[in-house]
Amino acid sequence: VQLQASGGGLVQAGDSLRLSCIASGRTFSTYAWFRQAPGKERGIVASRSWRGDRSYYADSVKGRFTISRNNRNNTMYLQMNSLKPEDTAVYYCAARLDWGTGQDEFKWWGQGTLVTVSS
């Protein structure tokens, strides 16, 4: 099982960016995006059930970020709009076998992609 994240980069405040994560090897019950800012612990950004009937967003990204999945190519996305400097972090995709948001239960992780938002 592999998760391959991509799409990070340097953008200005207010810009949009879409992160992608290709999953290979199996399907999952829940997929999610986490992020780790410099000097801070990694925390969840958004999660979504594979069937699409459940989702979760951190308060800091509600209304700006959208997590989604493409069934045909087994790719998960994080659409990030109205980016702020405080969104600067390394973003990781992750997956687990049941529904939940607890970081410890996410068994599979992508390698991380850096998003830098300048003011």
N, C-alpha and C. Protein backbone atom coordinates (compact mmCIF):
# COMPACT_ATOMS: atom_id res chain seq x y z
N VAL A 1 0.85 -1.19 0.00
CA VAL A 1 0.00 0.00 0.00
C VAL A 1 0.89 1.24 0.00
N GLN A 2 0.58 2.16 -0.90
CA GLN A 2 1.35 3.39 -0.97
C GLN A 2 0.44 4.60 -1.13
N LEU A 3 0.82 5.69 -0.49
CA LEU A 3 0.16 6.97 -0.68
C LEU A 3 1.21 7.95 -1.18
N GLN A 4 0.92 8.60 -2.28
CA GLN A 4 1.87 9.51 -2.91
C GLN A 4 1.24 10.89 -2.99
N ALA A 5 1.73 11.82 -2.16
CA ALA A 5 1.17 13.17 -2.12
C ALA A 5 1.95 14.10 -3.03
N SER A 6 1.24 15.08 -3.57
CA SER A 6 1.87 16.09 -4.42
C SER A 6 1.01 17.34 -4.45
N GLY A 7 1.55 18.40 -5.04
CA GLY A 7 0.77 19.60 -5.24
C GLY A 7 1.15 20.79 -4.39
N GLY A 8 2.07 20.61 -3.46
CA GLY A 8 2.47 21.73 -2.64
C GLY A 8 3.25 22.77 -3.42
N GLY A 9 3.46 23.91 -2.80
CA GLY A 9 4.22 24.95 -3.45
C GLY A 9 4.16 26.24 -2.69
N LEU A 10 4.68 27.29 -3.29
CA LEU A 10 4.70 28.63 -2.70
C LEU A 10 3.60 29.46 -3.35
N VAL A 11 2.71 29.99 -2.54
CA VAL A 11 1.62 30.82 -3.03
C VAL A 11 1.50 32.05 -2.15
N GLN A 12 0.70 32.99 -2.62
CA GLN A 12 0.45 34.20 -1.84
C GLN A 12 -0.85 34.07 -1.06
N ALA A 13 -0.97 34.84 -0.02
CA ALA A 13 -2.19 34.84 0.77
C ALA A 13 -3.38 35.17 -0.14
N GLY A 14 -4.46 34.40 0.04
CA GLY A 14 -5.64 34.57 -0.79
C GLY A 14 -5.71 33.64 -1.98
N ASP A 15 -4.59 33.04 -2.32
CA ASP A 15 -4.54 32.12 -3.47
C ASP A 15 -5.16 30.78 -3.12
N SER A 16 -5.31 29.95 -4.14
CA SER A 16 -5.82 28.59 -3.99
C SER A 16 -4.76 27.58 -4.42
N LEU A 17 -4.88 26.38 -3.88
CA LEU A 17 -3.95 25.31 -4.21
C LEU A 17 -4.69 23.99 -4.01
N ARG A 18 -4.40 23.01 -4.85
CA ARG A 18 -5.01 21.70 -4.68
C ARG A 18 -3.94 20.64 -4.50
N LEU A 19 -4.03 19.94 -3.41
CA LEU A 19 -3.13 18.84 -3.12
C LEU A 19 -3.75 17.53 -3.61
N SER A 20 -2.93 16.64 -4.08
CA SER A 20 -3.39 15.33 -4.55
C SER A 20 -2.65 14.23 -3.82
N CYS A 21 -3.30 13.09 -3.70
CA CYS A 21 -2.68 11.94 -3.07
C CYS A 21 -3.19 10.69 -3.77
N ILE A 22 -2.30 10.02 -4.47
CA ILE A 22 -2.68 8.80 -5.17
C ILE A 22 -2.50 7.62 -4.23
N ALA A 23 -3.55 6.84 -4.09
CA ALA A 23 -3.52 5.66 -3.22
C ALA A 23 -3.47 4.40 -4.08
N SER A 24 -2.58 3.52 -3.75
CA SER A 24 -2.48 2.27 -4.50
C SER A 24 -2.38 1.11 -3.52
N GLY A 25 -2.92 -0.03 -3.92
CA GLY A 25 -2.79 -1.23 -3.11
C GLY A 25 -4.07 -1.72 -2.47
N ARG A 26 -4.95 -0.80 -2.09
CA ARG A 26 -6.21 -1.20 -1.47
C ARG A 26 -7.10 0.02 -1.30
N THR A 27 -8.32 -0.21 -0.86
CA THR A 27 -9.21 0.88 -0.52
C THR A 27 -9.26 1.03 1.00
N PHE A 28 -9.78 2.16 1.46
CA PHE A 28 -9.78 2.48 2.88
C PHE A 28 -11.16 2.93 3.32
N SER A 29 -11.40 2.93 4.60
CA SER A 29 -12.66 3.45 5.12
C SER A 29 -12.63 4.95 5.29
N THR A 30 -11.48 5.46 5.64
CA THR A 30 -11.34 6.89 5.89
C THR A 30 -10.03 7.38 5.30
N TYR A 31 -10.06 8.53 4.65
CA TYR A 31 -8.83 9.17 4.22
C TYR A 31 -8.83 10.59 4.76
N ALA A 32 -7.66 11.12 4.91
CA ALA A 32 -7.55 12.42 5.59
C ALA A 32 -6.29 13.14 5.17
N TRP A 33 -6.29 14.43 5.49
CA TRP A 33 -5.11 15.27 5.34
C TRP A 33 -4.74 15.80 6.72
N PHE A 34 -3.47 15.73 7.03
CA PHE A 34 -2.91 16.31 8.24
C PHE A 34 -1.89 17.38 7.82
N ARG A 35 -1.49 18.20 8.77
CA ARG A 35 -0.43 19.15 8.49
C ARG A 35 0.40 19.39 9.74
N GLN A 36 1.65 19.76 9.48
CA GLN A 36 2.57 20.07 10.56
C GLN A 36 3.29 21.36 10.22
N ALA A 37 3.01 22.39 10.99
CA ALA A 37 3.67 23.68 10.80
C ALA A 37 5.00 23.67 11.55
N PRO A 38 5.91 24.54 11.17
CA PRO A 38 7.21 24.60 11.84
C PRO A 38 7.06 24.80 13.34
N GLY A 39 7.68 23.94 14.12
CA GLY A 39 7.65 24.07 15.56
C GLY A 39 6.37 23.60 16.22
N LYS A 40 5.47 23.03 15.45
CA LYS A 40 4.18 22.59 16.02
C LYS A 40 3.98 21.10 15.77
N GLU A 41 3.07 20.51 16.50
CA GLU A 41 2.74 19.10 16.31
C GLU A 41 1.84 18.93 15.08
N ARG A 42 1.90 17.75 14.52
CA ARG A 42 1.04 17.43 13.39
C ARG A 42 -0.40 17.30 13.86
N GLY A 43 -1.32 17.85 13.10
CA GLY A 43 -2.72 17.80 13.45
C GLY A 43 -3.59 17.58 12.23
N ILE A 44 -4.80 17.12 12.45
CA ILE A 44 -5.69 16.81 11.35
C ILE A 44 -6.25 18.09 10.73
N VAL A 45 -6.37 18.07 9.42
CA VAL A 45 -6.97 19.18 8.68
C VAL A 45 -8.40 18.82 8.26
N ALA A 46 -8.53 17.65 7.65
CA ALA A 46 -9.84 17.21 7.18
C ALA A 46 -9.81 15.70 6.98
N SER A 47 -10.95 15.09 7.14
CA SER A 47 -11.08 13.66 6.87
C SER A 47 -12.43 13.40 6.22
N ARG A 48 -12.49 12.28 5.51
CA ARG A 48 -13.73 11.95 4.80
C ARG A 48 -13.82 10.43 4.69
N SER A 49 -15.02 9.91 4.88
CA SER A 49 -15.20 8.48 4.70
C SER A 49 -15.12 8.13 3.22
N TRP A 50 -14.73 6.93 2.94
CA TRP A 50 -14.58 6.50 1.54
C TRP A 50 -15.90 6.60 0.80
N ARG A 51 -17.00 6.33 1.51
CA ARG A 51 -18.31 6.39 0.87
C ARG A 51 -18.82 7.82 0.75
N GLY A 52 -18.20 8.72 1.47
CA GLY A 52 -18.60 10.11 1.37
C GLY A 52 -19.71 10.52 2.30
N ASP A 53 -20.10 9.64 3.24
CA ASP A 53 -21.23 9.98 4.11
C ASP A 53 -20.80 10.67 5.40
N ARG A 54 -19.51 10.76 5.64
CA ARG A 54 -19.00 11.45 6.83
C ARG A 54 -17.82 12.31 6.45
N SER A 55 -17.70 13.44 7.10
CA SER A 55 -16.54 14.30 6.90
C SER A 55 -16.26 15.10 8.15
N TYR A 56 -15.05 15.56 8.25
CA TYR A 56 -14.64 16.38 9.38
C TYR A 56 -13.66 17.43 8.89
N TYR A 57 -13.78 18.63 9.40
CA TYR A 57 -12.85 19.70 9.09
C TYR A 57 -12.42 20.38 10.38
N ALA A 58 -11.16 20.66 10.48
CA ALA A 58 -10.68 21.47 11.60
C ALA A 58 -11.31 22.86 11.50
N ASP A 59 -11.57 23.47 12.64
CA ASP A 59 -12.23 24.79 12.67
C ASP A 59 -11.46 25.81 11.84
N SER A 60 -10.16 25.69 11.85
CA SER A 60 -9.32 26.69 11.18
C SER A 60 -9.45 26.66 9.66
N VAL A 61 -10.00 25.59 9.10
CA VAL A 61 -10.08 25.48 7.64
C VAL A 61 -11.52 25.38 7.13
N LYS A 62 -12.48 25.32 8.02
CA LYS A 62 -13.88 25.20 7.61
C LYS A 62 -14.27 26.35 6.68
N GLY A 63 -14.93 25.98 5.59
CA GLY A 63 -15.37 27.00 4.64
C GLY A 63 -14.31 27.38 3.63
N ARG A 64 -13.05 26.94 3.84
CA ARG A 64 -11.98 27.28 2.91
C ARG A 64 -11.40 26.04 2.22
N PHE A 65 -11.34 24.94 2.92
CA PHE A 65 -10.76 23.71 2.39
C PHE A 65 -11.86 22.68 2.13
N THR A 66 -11.64 21.85 1.10
CA THR A 66 -12.56 20.77 0.78
C THR A 66 -11.78 19.50 0.48
N ILE A 67 -12.16 18.43 1.16
CA ILE A 67 -11.55 17.13 0.91
C ILE A 67 -12.46 16.33 0.00
N SER A 68 -11.86 15.64 -0.97
CA SER A 68 -12.67 14.87 -1.91
C SER A 68 -11.86 13.70 -2.45
N ARG A 69 -12.53 12.90 -3.24
CA ARG A 69 -11.88 11.69 -3.79
C ARG A 69 -12.39 11.44 -5.19
N ASN A 70 -11.53 10.98 -6.04
CA ASN A 70 -11.90 10.56 -7.39
C ASN A 70 -11.92 9.04 -7.42
N ASN A 71 -13.11 8.48 -7.62
CA ASN A 71 -13.25 7.02 -7.59
C ASN A 71 -12.45 6.34 -8.70
N ARG A 72 -12.40 6.98 -9.86
CA ARG A 72 -11.82 6.30 -11.03
C ARG A 72 -10.32 6.12 -10.92
N ASN A 73 -9.64 7.10 -10.34
CA ASN A 73 -8.18 6.97 -10.29
C ASN A 73 -7.65 6.85 -8.88
N ASN A 74 -8.56 6.59 -7.91
CA ASN A 74 -8.16 6.35 -6.52
C ASN A 74 -7.26 7.46 -5.98
N THR A 75 -7.65 8.66 -6.27
CA THR A 75 -6.88 9.83 -5.84
C THR A 75 -7.72 10.67 -4.88
N MET A 76 -7.13 11.11 -3.80
CA MET A 76 -7.79 12.01 -2.87
C MET A 76 -7.22 13.41 -3.05
N TYR A 77 -8.04 14.40 -2.77
CA TYR A 77 -7.65 15.78 -2.99
C TYR A 77 -7.93 16.62 -1.75
N LEU A 78 -7.19 17.71 -1.65
CA LEU A 78 -7.49 18.75 -0.67
C LEU A 78 -7.46 20.08 -1.43
N GLN A 79 -8.64 20.61 -1.69
CA GLN A 79 -8.74 21.91 -2.34
C GLN A 79 -8.65 22.98 -1.26
N MET A 80 -7.68 23.85 -1.39
CA MET A 80 -7.45 24.89 -0.39
C MET A 80 -7.65 26.24 -1.01
N ASN A 81 -8.63 26.97 -0.53
CA ASN A 81 -8.93 28.31 -1.03
C ASN A 81 -8.66 29.34 0.05
N SER A 82 -8.54 30.57 -0.37
CA SER A 82 -8.32 31.69 0.56
C SER A 82 -7.19 31.37 1.55
N LEU A 83 -6.10 30.94 1.01
CA LEU A 83 -4.99 30.52 1.86
C LEU A 83 -4.44 31.67 2.69
N LYS A 84 -4.00 31.35 3.90
CA LYS A 84 -3.46 32.32 4.83
C LYS A 84 -2.03 31.91 5.19
N PRO A 85 -1.22 32.85 5.62
CA PRO A 85 0.14 32.49 6.04
C PRO A 85 0.17 31.40 7.10
N GLU A 86 -0.83 31.38 7.97
CA GLU A 86 -0.87 30.35 9.02
C GLU A 86 -1.20 28.96 8.49
N ASP A 87 -1.52 28.85 7.21
CA ASP A 87 -1.71 27.54 6.59
C ASP A 87 -0.38 26.92 6.16
N THR A 88 0.69 27.67 6.27
CA THR A 88 2.01 27.16 5.90
C THR A 88 2.36 25.94 6.75
N ALA A 89 2.65 24.84 6.08
CA ALA A 89 2.93 23.59 6.78
C ALA A 89 3.32 22.52 5.76
N VAL A 90 3.80 21.42 6.27
CA VAL A 90 3.93 20.21 5.46
C VAL A 90 2.62 19.44 5.60
N TYR A 91 2.03 19.12 4.48
CA TYR A 91 0.74 18.45 4.46
C TYR A 91 0.94 16.97 4.12
N TYR A 92 0.26 16.13 4.88
CA TYR A 92 0.36 14.68 4.71
C TYR A 92 -1.02 14.10 4.42
N CYS A 93 -1.08 13.19 3.48
CA CYS A 93 -2.30 12.41 3.31
C CYS A 93 -2.15 11.12 4.12
N ALA A 94 -3.28 10.60 4.56
CA ALA A 94 -3.26 9.41 5.40
C ALA A 94 -4.56 8.63 5.21
N ALA A 95 -4.54 7.37 5.60
CA ALA A 95 -5.72 6.53 5.44
C ALA A 95 -5.79 5.52 6.58
N ARG A 96 -7.01 5.08 6.87
CA ARG A 96 -7.23 4.11 7.93
C ARG A 96 -8.38 3.19 7.54
N LEU A 97 -8.54 2.12 8.29
CA LEU A 97 -9.51 1.09 7.93
C LEU A 97 -10.91 1.32 8.49
N ASP A 98 -11.06 2.26 9.43
CA ASP A 98 -12.38 2.54 9.98
C ASP A 98 -12.58 4.05 10.00
N TRP A 99 -13.77 4.49 10.39
CA TRP A 99 -14.00 5.93 10.46
C TRP A 99 -13.40 6.50 11.74
N GLY A 100 -12.79 7.65 11.60
CA GLY A 100 -12.28 8.33 12.77
C GLY A 100 -11.33 9.44 12.39
N THR A 101 -10.92 10.21 13.38
CA THR A 101 -10.00 11.31 13.14
C THR A 101 -8.74 11.22 13.99
N GLY A 102 -8.66 10.22 14.85
CA GLY A 102 -7.49 10.07 15.70
C GLY A 102 -6.26 9.72 14.90
N GLN A 103 -5.22 10.48 15.09
CA GLN A 103 -4.02 10.32 14.27
C GLN A 103 -3.39 8.94 14.44
N ASP A 104 -3.40 8.40 15.61
CA ASP A 104 -2.72 7.13 15.87
C ASP A 104 -3.30 5.97 15.08
N GLU A 105 -4.58 6.07 14.69
CA GLU A 105 -5.23 4.97 13.98
C GLU A 105 -5.06 5.04 12.46
N PHE A 106 -4.42 6.08 11.98
CA PHE A 106 -4.14 6.15 10.55
C PHE A 106 -2.89 5.33 10.27
N LYS A 107 -3.08 4.26 9.54
CA LYS A 107 -2.01 3.28 9.34
C LYS A 107 -1.11 3.62 8.16
N TRP A 108 -1.67 4.29 7.16
CA TRP A 108 -0.90 4.57 5.96
C TRP A 108 -0.72 6.07 5.78
N TRP A 109 0.48 6.46 5.42
CA TRP A 109 0.81 7.89 5.31
C TRP A 109 1.57 8.17 4.02
N GLY A 110 1.27 9.31 3.42
CA GLY A 110 2.06 9.80 2.32
C GLY A 110 3.30 10.49 2.83
N GLN A 111 4.16 10.90 1.93
CA GLN A 111 5.46 11.43 2.30
C GLN A 111 5.45 12.90 2.69
N GLY A 112 4.36 13.60 2.49
CA GLY A 112 4.31 15.01 2.85
C GLY A 112 4.65 15.91 1.69
N THR A 113 3.94 17.03 1.60
CA THR A 113 4.20 18.02 0.57
C THR A 113 4.11 19.40 1.23
N LEU A 114 5.08 20.26 0.94
CA LEU A 114 5.20 21.54 1.63
C LEU A 114 4.34 22.61 0.96
N VAL A 115 3.56 23.27 1.77
CA VAL A 115 2.77 24.42 1.32
C VAL A 115 3.27 25.65 2.07
N THR A 116 3.67 26.66 1.33
CA THR A 116 4.15 27.90 1.92
C THR A 116 3.28 29.03 1.41
N VAL A 117 2.68 29.77 2.34
CA VAL A 117 1.81 30.88 1.99
C VAL A 117 2.47 32.17 2.45
N SER A 118 2.79 33.02 1.50
CA SER A 118 3.44 34.29 1.85
C SER A 118 2.39 35.38 2.03
N SER A 119 2.72 36.32 2.88
CA SER A 119 1.76 37.41 3.17
C SER A 119 1.91 38.56 2.19
